[in-house]
Structures are given as C-alpha cells and as structure tokens.
Amino acid sequence: MRGLKQRQFLTDPRFRSVIWVDPTQVRLQLGSKWPVGRERLNRLERFVPGALLGPLRAPIKHAEPFAIPARHFSAAIPVRDTQRYRRIADALDHADALQDSLWFHQMRTQLRDTGAAYYKSRALHSEAEILAFLRDDLLGLVESMRENGFDGSRTGYESTAVIMADGSLCKTGSGNHRFCIAKLIGLDRFPLQVVGAHEAWVKAHLPPSPTVEDVLALLPEVEAHNSAPAPAGDRVTPAREAPLGTARPRRAGSRSANGHGAG
C-alpha cells in the first residue's frame, strides 16, 4: 500500500483518473490535496527554520499516499460553508451592483490596508481594477460556464477530489472557484481528478498492494455513485433571472471560453 502515491495520478498525461460528476453531489471540502504532507510540514515547522524547510516541501508532497488516514477527514467542511463559495454566491446576488458585494468589500479593505488587493498572485491596485476583475473575470467565467459548461481545453483538469469511506467524493486542491460556480449555476456535469481515497475505502475495495490500474478500474463505479440527481433543496437557484440553460460540459477540444482569470 505504501507504494501507491497521489503523484502517480496527478502526473498522468492522459488524465485517466478524471471522472465527470454532478457537482451538487459533492458536498464536502477537505482543503489541501496533501493532508498527510501538510500534517508533516506543520510538525516540522515547529522546530525547522523556514530556510531549511523550503527544500523539503516538494519531496513531502511527492510522497503523499493515495490512501488517506481517517483522521484527516474530520477537517472536511460543507462546500457551502467555505468563504470561497459564500463570496461567489454573494457576488452573483450583487451582479448588478458589485460594489455592494462581500468580495468587493474584502478586496477594498485589503487595498486600503496594504496598497493592493490580491486574487491569488494577481495584484489589483484600485477599486476600478477590483470591479473590473469581478465583472469581467468572475461574471465572465460564470456566463461562459452557463453557456458552454466546463472546457478542459482552456484550463486543464486541475480540480481534484478524494474518495470518502462510503464512495462519495470530497473536493480538494485546485480549481475550487470553477467548482463552486458549477454548484451555484446548476451544472449537471463537472470533471474532478481523483487523487486519493479514505483508507477504509481502499481496504474494502482494493487488493493489499494496489496499482494505479486497480484504482482506475473502480472509477466508473465512483463516477456513477456521484452522478445521481441531488436531493431536493441541494441545488442552488442561479442569481437573478439567469437561466439554467447549460450545455453538457465538453471535454478537451471544446470551443467554449472558460479561460477567464477567476478560476
């Protein structure tokens, strides 16, 4: 079991661990896709100087096991309770007055306190730039996904997930803004790359020394388990009068315009 690593799935150029699911079925967010490595780094940070810890980060992440100990799943929270989901939902509610949105106010505060507001590593130096980001990048991405679904030819398949003990998925890692938008606008299909699994699921479904191929053989079942219609009340009504008329998400090669910067 020790031999199967998350990296073997993340570096697969054919993206064979990508499955298409109903995003409303994925209700929990774990955060880091390296929970085991993050725990190790947190311990090391207590007594290893930062300059010495830096070179250890990549090897620790590369060693992340596919089988994730049960204790790490206690940190999972509902996607709807994450700050990312809440501020995107609020921005959609304020699409006609973005200056009143929570995200604008948070970025404006950061701008006043530090001289720049940041989206990831992108610096915004004025309130006008913040509004342009929210209008053109965020709302532009929302409209693109409403019209065309998810387009992997623009962004790749960066959104990751891990399998929980019961076979449901827990969102992790990158691509969280697009995933939250997909939940909010009611897309029925969204790609997630499976990079790990709860140790109980691994024990119940895989042989003692599993291979990547053993995992891939089970992913159609995982995909089906996470593609059923969501229970009543789980799907969010899109903001304003915007229609739900989303096309089925296309795989790589689609001509949709998901290349906006708010991913």
Protein backbone atom coordinates (compact mmCIF):
# COMPACT_ATOMS: atom_id res chain seq x y z
CA MET A 1 0.00 0.00 0.00
CA ARG A 2 2.89 2.34 0.73
CA GLY A 3 3.91 2.27 -2.93
CA LEU A 4 0.77 3.91 -4.36
CA LYS A 5 1.18 7.70 -4.38
CA GLN A 6 -1.08 10.59 -5.23
CA ARG A 7 1.58 11.84 -7.65
CA GLN A 8 1.02 8.83 -9.90
CA PHE A 9 -2.46 10.18 -10.65
CA LEU A 10 -1.61 13.89 -10.80
CA THR A 11 1.15 13.40 -13.36
CA ASP A 12 -0.79 11.08 -15.68
CA PRO A 13 -0.75 12.93 -19.05
CA ARG A 14 -3.92 11.12 -20.14
CA PHE A 15 -5.91 12.28 -17.10
CA ARG A 16 -7.28 8.78 -16.66
CA SER A 17 -8.41 9.46 -13.09
CA VAL A 18 -10.71 12.30 -14.19
CA ILE A 19 -14.39 11.48 -13.72
CA TRP A 20 -17.46 13.58 -14.55
CA VAL A 21 -19.83 14.10 -11.65
CA ASP A 22 -22.83 16.13 -10.60
CA PRO A 23 -21.17 18.89 -8.51
CA THR A 24 -24.21 19.14 -6.24
CA GLN A 25 -23.42 15.59 -5.12
CA VAL A 26 -20.01 16.67 -3.80
CA ARG A 27 -20.93 18.35 -0.54
CA LEU A 28 -17.68 18.42 1.45
CA GLN A 29 -14.40 20.29 1.03
CA LEU A 30 -11.21 18.94 2.60
CA GLY A 31 -8.90 21.77 1.58
CA SER A 32 -5.37 20.67 0.79
CA LYS A 33 -4.95 17.72 -1.54
CA TRP A 34 -1.87 16.87 0.55
CA PRO A 35 -3.39 16.32 4.01
CA VAL A 36 -0.72 13.83 5.06
CA GLY A 37 2.09 16.02 3.78
CA ARG A 38 0.52 19.12 5.33
CA GLU A 39 0.45 17.41 8.72
CA ARG A 40 4.13 16.53 8.38
CA LEU A 41 5.05 20.06 7.35
CA ASN A 42 3.10 21.53 10.26
CA ARG A 43 5.07 19.35 12.67
CA LEU A 44 8.39 20.27 11.07
CA GLU A 45 7.58 23.99 11.16
CA ARG A 46 7.74 23.85 14.96
CA PHE A 47 11.48 23.24 15.03
CA VAL A 48 12.92 23.50 11.50
CA PRO A 49 13.87 27.01 10.23
CA GLY A 50 11.97 28.17 7.18
CA ALA A 51 15.09 28.30 5.02
CA LEU A 52 15.74 24.62 5.71
CA LEU A 53 12.09 23.58 5.44
CA GLY A 54 11.63 25.00 1.93
CA PRO A 55 13.61 22.28 0.10
CA LEU A 56 11.64 19.60 1.96
CA ARG A 57 8.21 20.72 0.74
CA ALA A 58 8.35 19.18 -2.74
CA PRO A 59 9.64 15.75 -1.60
CA ILE A 60 7.00 15.61 1.14
CA LYS A 61 4.23 16.45 -1.33
CA HIS A 62 5.56 13.92 -3.81
CA ALA A 63 5.38 11.26 -1.11
CA GLU A 64 1.67 11.89 -0.44
CA PRO A 65 -0.01 8.46 -0.24
CA PHE A 66 -3.14 7.56 -2.18
CA ALA A 67 -4.64 6.02 0.97
CA ILE A 68 -5.51 8.82 3.40
CA PRO A 69 -5.80 8.06 7.15
CA ALA A 70 -9.31 8.51 8.54
CA ARG A 71 -8.29 11.26 10.98
CA HIS A 72 -7.75 13.73 8.15
CA PHE A 73 -11.38 13.62 7.07
CA SER A 74 -12.51 15.20 10.33
CA ALA A 75 -11.31 18.52 8.86
CA ALA A 76 -13.82 18.37 5.98
CA ILE A 77 -16.50 21.07 5.96
CA PRO A 78 -19.52 21.66 3.71
CA VAL A 79 -18.58 23.39 0.47
CA ARG A 80 -21.40 25.86 1.11
CA ASP A 81 -19.70 26.96 4.34
CA THR A 82 -16.38 27.87 2.72
CA GLN A 83 -15.54 31.53 2.31
CA ARG A 84 -14.92 30.96 -1.41
CA TYR A 85 -18.42 29.60 -2.03
CA ARG A 86 -20.10 32.29 0.08
CA ARG A 87 -18.39 35.22 -1.60
CA ILE A 88 -19.04 33.88 -5.11
CA ALA A 89 -22.70 33.31 -4.23
CA ASP A 90 -22.89 36.82 -2.80
CA ALA A 91 -21.24 38.30 -5.91
CA LEU A 92 -23.86 36.62 -8.09
CA ASP A 93 -26.57 38.06 -5.86
CA HIS A 94 -25.00 41.51 -6.41
CA ALA A 95 -24.23 41.08 -10.10
CA ASP A 96 -25.91 44.41 -10.88
CA ALA A 97 -24.14 46.23 -8.04
CA LEU A 98 -20.80 44.52 -7.48
CA GLN A 99 -19.60 47.40 -5.31
CA ASP A 100 -22.05 46.12 -2.69
CA SER A 101 -20.74 42.56 -2.77
CA LEU A 102 -18.83 40.89 0.06
CA TRP A 103 -15.87 40.09 -2.19
CA PHE A 104 -15.55 43.72 -3.29
CA HIS A 105 -15.61 44.91 0.32
CA GLN A 106 -12.99 42.35 1.36
CA MET A 107 -10.69 43.33 -1.50
CA ARG A 108 -11.23 47.04 -0.90
CA THR A 109 -10.22 46.58 2.74
CA GLN A 110 -7.07 44.76 1.67
CA LEU A 111 -6.35 47.51 -0.87
CA ARG A 112 -6.64 50.21 1.81
CA ASP A 113 -4.57 48.27 4.34
CA THR A 114 -1.73 47.08 2.09
CA GLY A 115 -1.85 49.14 -1.08
CA ALA A 116 -3.04 46.24 -3.25
CA ALA A 117 -5.80 43.65 -3.29
CA TYR A 118 -4.92 40.17 -4.46
CA TYR A 119 -6.63 37.40 -6.34
CA LYS A 120 -4.13 34.57 -5.97
CA SER A 121 -0.89 36.25 -7.14
CA ARG A 122 -2.64 38.92 -9.23
CA ALA A 123 -2.40 42.40 -7.73
CA LEU A 124 -5.25 44.88 -8.11
CA HIS A 125 -4.26 48.46 -7.35
CA SER A 126 -7.55 50.37 -7.40
CA GLU A 127 -11.26 49.95 -6.75
CA ALA A 128 -11.79 50.20 -10.51
CA GLU A 129 -9.47 47.23 -11.05
CA ILE A 130 -11.32 45.24 -8.39
CA LEU A 131 -14.66 45.94 -10.05
CA ALA A 132 -13.22 45.04 -13.46
CA PHE A 133 -11.95 41.74 -12.05
CA LEU A 134 -15.32 40.88 -10.56
CA ARG A 135 -17.24 41.97 -13.66
CA ASP A 136 -15.02 40.66 -16.45
CA ASP A 137 -13.26 37.70 -14.88
CA LEU A 138 -15.71 36.34 -12.35
CA LEU A 139 -19.03 37.12 -14.04
CA GLY A 140 -17.46 36.46 -17.43
CA LEU A 141 -16.48 32.98 -16.29
CA VAL A 142 -19.95 32.39 -14.85
CA GLU A 143 -21.61 33.30 -18.15
CA SER A 144 -19.16 31.15 -20.12
CA MET A 145 -19.88 28.15 -17.93
CA ARG A 146 -23.63 28.76 -18.17
CA GLU A 147 -23.44 28.76 -21.94
CA ASN A 148 -20.78 26.13 -22.59
CA GLY A 149 -20.23 24.08 -19.45
CA PHE A 150 -16.68 23.22 -18.41
CA ASP A 151 -13.94 23.46 -21.04
CA GLY A 152 -10.81 21.50 -20.19
CA SER A 153 -9.01 22.69 -23.31
CA ARG A 154 -8.70 26.11 -21.66
CA THR A 155 -7.80 25.20 -18.09
CA GLY A 156 -6.85 21.55 -17.98
CA TYR A 157 -8.38 19.18 -15.45
CA GLU A 158 -6.97 20.74 -12.30
CA SER A 159 -9.89 20.21 -9.91
CA THR A 160 -9.14 17.35 -7.56
CA ALA A 161 -11.12 15.17 -5.17
CA VAL A 162 -10.64 12.20 -2.87
CA ILE A 163 -12.94 9.26 -2.30
CA MET A 164 -14.57 9.03 1.12
CA ALA A 165 -15.24 5.80 3.00
CA ASP A 166 -18.75 5.49 1.55
CA GLY A 167 -17.68 6.13 -2.05
CA SER A 168 -18.81 9.75 -2.16
CA LEU A 169 -16.32 12.44 -3.16
CA CYS A 170 -14.74 15.21 -1.13
CA LYS A 171 -13.39 18.24 -3.01
CA THR A 172 -9.72 19.09 -2.51
CA GLY A 173 -6.98 21.13 -4.07
CA SER A 174 -7.17 23.35 -7.12
CA GLY A 175 -9.97 24.54 -9.38
CA ASN A 176 -12.22 25.48 -6.48
CA HIS A 177 -13.68 28.66 -7.97
CA ARG A 178 -14.91 26.86 -11.08
CA PHE A 179 -16.26 24.05 -8.94
CA CYS A 180 -18.18 26.47 -6.70
CA ILE A 181 -19.59 28.23 -9.76
CA ALA A 182 -20.69 24.89 -11.19
CA LYS A 183 -22.61 24.16 -7.98
CA LEU A 184 -24.17 27.61 -7.91
CA ILE A 185 -25.39 27.67 -11.51
CA GLY A 186 -26.56 24.07 -11.50
CA LEU A 187 -24.20 22.38 -13.97
CA ASP A 188 -25.04 18.69 -14.09
CA ARG A 189 -21.51 17.54 -15.04
CA PHE A 190 -18.10 18.70 -13.84
CA PRO A 191 -14.69 16.94 -14.04
CA LEU A 192 -12.80 16.01 -10.91
CA GLN A 193 -9.46 14.24 -10.83
CA VAL A 194 -9.40 11.52 -8.19
CA VAL A 195 -6.04 11.63 -6.38
CA GLY A 196 -6.67 9.78 -3.14
CA ALA A 197 -9.10 7.80 -1.02
CA HIS A 198 -10.11 7.19 2.58
CA GLU A 199 -8.13 4.27 3.99
CA ALA A 200 -11.37 2.39 4.73
CA TRP A 201 -12.45 2.60 1.08
CA VAL A 202 -9.01 1.42 -0.02
CA LYS A 203 -9.14 -1.55 2.35
CA ALA A 204 -12.67 -2.50 1.28
CA HIS A 205 -12.20 -2.21 -2.49
CA LEU A 206 -8.54 -2.69 -3.40
CA PRO A 207 -6.06 -5.56 -3.07
CA PRO A 208 -3.30 -5.37 -0.42
CA SER A 209 -0.75 -3.95 -2.89
CA PRO A 210 -2.89 -1.99 -5.35
CA THR A 211 -1.72 -0.46 -8.60
CA VAL A 212 -2.92 2.61 -10.46
CA GLU A 213 -4.79 0.28 -12.82
CA ASP A 214 -6.65 -1.29 -9.88
CA VAL A 215 -7.91 2.16 -8.87
CA LEU A 216 -8.80 3.19 -12.42
CA ALA A 217 -10.91 0.05 -12.85
CA LEU A 218 -13.15 1.20 -9.98
CA LEU A 219 -13.59 4.81 -11.05
CA PRO A 220 -16.62 4.20 -13.32
CA GLU A 221 -18.46 2.97 -10.21
CA VAL A 222 -17.33 6.03 -8.24
CA GLU A 223 -18.44 8.27 -11.10
CA ALA A 224 -21.88 6.67 -11.19
CA HIS A 225 -22.22 6.95 -7.41
CA ASN A 226 -21.56 10.70 -7.60
CA SER A 227 -23.69 11.45 -10.65
CA ALA A 228 -27.17 10.71 -9.32
CA PRO A 229 -29.65 13.61 -9.08
CA ALA A 230 -29.14 15.68 -5.96
CA PRO A 231 -31.73 15.54 -3.17
CA ALA A 232 -34.43 18.22 -3.15
CA GLY A 233 -33.13 21.50 -1.83
CA ASP A 234 -29.45 20.81 -2.55
CA ARG A 235 -29.30 22.61 -5.88
CA VAL A 236 -28.97 26.39 -5.71
CA THR A 237 -31.15 28.63 -7.84
CA PRO A 238 -28.91 30.82 -10.04
CA ALA A 239 -28.73 34.51 -9.20
CA ARG A 240 -31.17 36.94 -10.82
CA GLU A 241 -33.14 35.70 -13.80
CA ALA A 242 -30.15 33.97 -15.39
CA PRO A 243 -31.34 30.72 -16.99
CA LEU A 244 -30.03 27.31 -16.12
CA GLY A 245 -29.66 26.52 -19.80
CA THR A 246 -26.22 24.96 -19.65
CA ALA A 247 -24.95 22.74 -22.38
CA ARG A 248 -23.41 19.42 -21.41
CA PRO A 249 -19.77 20.12 -20.49
CA ARG A 250 -17.39 19.34 -23.32
CA ARG A 251 -14.10 17.57 -22.96
CA ALA A 252 -10.83 18.94 -24.28
CA GLY A 253 -11.20 20.42 -27.73
CA SER A 254 -14.37 22.33 -26.96
CA ARG A 255 -14.62 25.88 -28.27
CA SER A 256 -16.08 27.40 -25.12
CA ALA A 257 -14.35 30.30 -23.40
CA ASN A 258 -13.56 29.13 -19.88
CA GLY A 259 -10.16 30.77 -19.94
CA HIS A 260 -11.18 33.60 -17.62
CA GLY A 261 -8.90 34.53 -14.75
CA ALA A 262 -11.25 33.73 -11.87
CA GLY A 263 -10.62 30.01 -11.88
